[in-house]
Protein backbone atom coordinates (compact mmCIF):
# COMPACT_ATOMS: atom_id res chain seq x y z
CA MET A 1 -63.22 -20.52 108.49
CA ILE A 2 -64.03 -20.25 105.10
CA ILE A 3 -62.10 -18.88 102.94
CA LEU A 4 -62.92 -17.69 98.97
CA THR A 5 -60.60 -17.66 97.08
CA GLY A 6 -59.14 -18.32 93.59
CA ILE A 7 -56.61 -21.39 93.14
CA SER A 8 -54.49 -20.80 90.30
CA CYS A 9 -52.98 -24.62 89.15
CA THR A 10 -51.07 -22.89 86.16
CA ALA A 11 -50.51 -19.69 84.88
CA ASN A 12 -53.69 -19.47 82.80
CA TYR A 13 -55.96 -21.18 84.82
CA SER A 14 -58.17 -20.55 87.62
CA HIS A 15 -61.09 -21.27 89.29
CA PRO A 16 -62.68 -19.69 92.17
CA SER A 17 -63.09 -22.30 95.20
CA MET A 18 -65.45 -21.36 99.04
CA LEU A 19 -62.53 -23.18 101.23
CA LEU A 20 -61.97 -24.54 104.56
CA ARG A 21 -59.44 -23.45 106.91
CA ASP A 22 -57.57 -25.71 109.77
CA VAL A 23 -60.13 -27.86 109.86
CA GLN A 24 -60.16 -31.92 111.80
CA TYR A 25 -61.70 -34.32 110.54
CA ARG A 26 -62.09 -37.73 112.22
CA ILE A 27 -62.21 -40.90 110.36
CA ARG A 28 -63.57 -44.02 111.25
CA ALA A 29 -61.88 -47.09 109.38
CA GLN A 30 -62.41 -51.34 109.52
CA VAL A 31 -60.23 -53.61 108.25
CA VAL A 32 -62.01 -55.42 105.20
CA LEU A 33 -60.19 -58.24 104.01
CA THR A 34 -59.45 -59.26 100.46
CA GLU A 35 -59.20 -62.50 98.97
CA ARG A 36 -55.79 -62.28 99.18
CA GLY A 37 -55.63 -61.67 102.76
CA GLN A 38 -57.72 -64.37 103.61
CA GLY A 39 -56.92 -67.16 106.12
CA GLY A 40 -54.38 -64.12 107.68
CA ARG A 41 -55.50 -62.37 110.79
CA GLU A 42 -57.67 -59.17 110.52
CA GLU A 43 -55.46 -58.33 113.90
CA LYS A 44 -52.23 -58.31 112.19
CA TYR A 45 -53.86 -55.99 109.36
CA ARG A 46 -55.10 -53.35 112.07
CA GLU A 47 -51.53 -53.07 114.02
CA GLN A 48 -49.65 -52.60 110.75
CA MET A 49 -52.71 -49.41 110.33
CA ARG A 50 -52.01 -48.50 113.57
CA ARG A 51 -48.50 -48.57 113.06
CA ARG A 52 -48.85 -46.55 109.75
CA VAL A 53 -51.28 -44.35 111.16
CA ASP A 54 -48.40 -43.28 114.36
CA LYS A 55 -46.30 -42.64 111.31
CA GLY A 56 -48.24 -40.59 109.04
CA ALA A 57 -47.32 -43.21 107.04
CA CYS A 58 -49.24 -43.77 103.85
CA PHE A 59 -49.31 -45.61 99.94
CA ALA A 60 -50.67 -42.32 98.90
CA GLN A 61 -51.12 -39.24 100.27
CA PRO A 62 -54.86 -38.92 101.03
CA PHE A 63 -56.64 -35.49 99.55
CA LEU A 64 -59.86 -34.05 100.79
CA GLY A 65 -62.10 -33.40 97.09
CA CYS A 66 -59.56 -32.51 94.22
CA ARG A 67 -56.12 -32.96 95.12
CA GLU A 68 -54.41 -30.01 95.48
CA PHE A 69 -56.21 -30.30 99.12
CA SER A 70 -53.91 -32.71 100.48
CA ALA A 71 -54.62 -34.53 104.16
CA SER A 72 -52.44 -35.01 107.05
CA PHE A 73 -53.54 -37.11 109.24
CA GLY A 74 -52.43 -38.86 112.57
CA PRO A 75 -53.46 -40.74 115.84
CA GLN A 76 -56.83 -40.13 117.52
CA THR A 77 -56.75 -36.64 120.02
CA ASP A 78 -58.18 -35.76 123.10
CA THR A 79 -60.03 -32.83 120.61
CA VAL A 80 -63.87 -33.00 121.22
CA PRO A 81 -65.98 -34.14 118.25
CA ILE A 82 -68.75 -31.87 117.64
CA ALA A 83 -72.04 -32.97 118.89
CA ARG A 84 -73.91 -33.39 115.03
CA ASP A 85 -75.67 -35.89 113.59
CA GLU A 86 -76.27 -35.64 109.75
CA ASP A 87 -76.69 -37.31 106.95
CA LEU A 88 -75.25 -35.66 103.86
CA GLY A 89 -76.92 -37.98 100.96
CA VAL A 90 -74.59 -39.26 98.16
CA MET A 91 -71.39 -37.90 97.16
CA LEU A 92 -68.86 -38.58 93.94
CA HIS A 93 -65.97 -40.98 94.71
CA SER A 94 -63.98 -41.21 91.87
CA ILE A 95 -63.83 -40.97 88.06
CA ILE A 96 -63.13 -44.00 85.84
CA TYR A 97 -61.99 -43.57 83.02
CA PRO A 98 -61.59 -47.01 80.94
CA ALA A 99 -59.31 -48.02 78.47
CA SER A 100 -62.51 -48.74 76.46
CA GLY A 101 -63.94 -44.92 76.93
CA GLY A 102 -66.42 -43.23 78.41
CA GLU A 103 -66.55 -42.65 81.84
CA GLN A 104 -67.45 -44.58 84.95
CA TYR A 105 -68.77 -42.83 88.74
CA ARG A 106 -67.87 -43.99 91.31
CA TRP A 107 -70.12 -42.88 95.01
CA PHE A 108 -70.67 -43.15 98.30
CA HIS A 109 -73.17 -42.16 100.94
CA ALA A 110 -71.41 -39.50 103.26
CA SER A 111 -72.74 -39.11 107.12
CA CYS A 112 -71.17 -37.24 109.55
CA ALA A 113 -71.81 -38.59 113.00
CA ARG A 114 -71.10 -38.14 116.80
CA ALA A 115 -68.02 -40.44 118.11
CA CYS A 116 -68.77 -42.56 120.58
């Protein structure tokens, strides 16, 4: 379902938005060891991640696009994913404002892929 709305962030500021409601995303994650984690076992970190997902615990609340749209997560369900593979192209991940001034943009390549 798509909802067109004006979200009010403060008493005198609002912006129009096109939103999806009751959306479920299937997320795939991978453990990548950093220099600090080298020497550790990947399995240890995978198990830690599974425990956190089962509890819905996270270091920072995830969000979709902007912080007004927080996302909850949990273990995989039996919901059948849509049968669709699509390259969504390059998308903005975040904007970094260094102390030296200016802006730095972080990009990622997004895709919609069927779960195996």
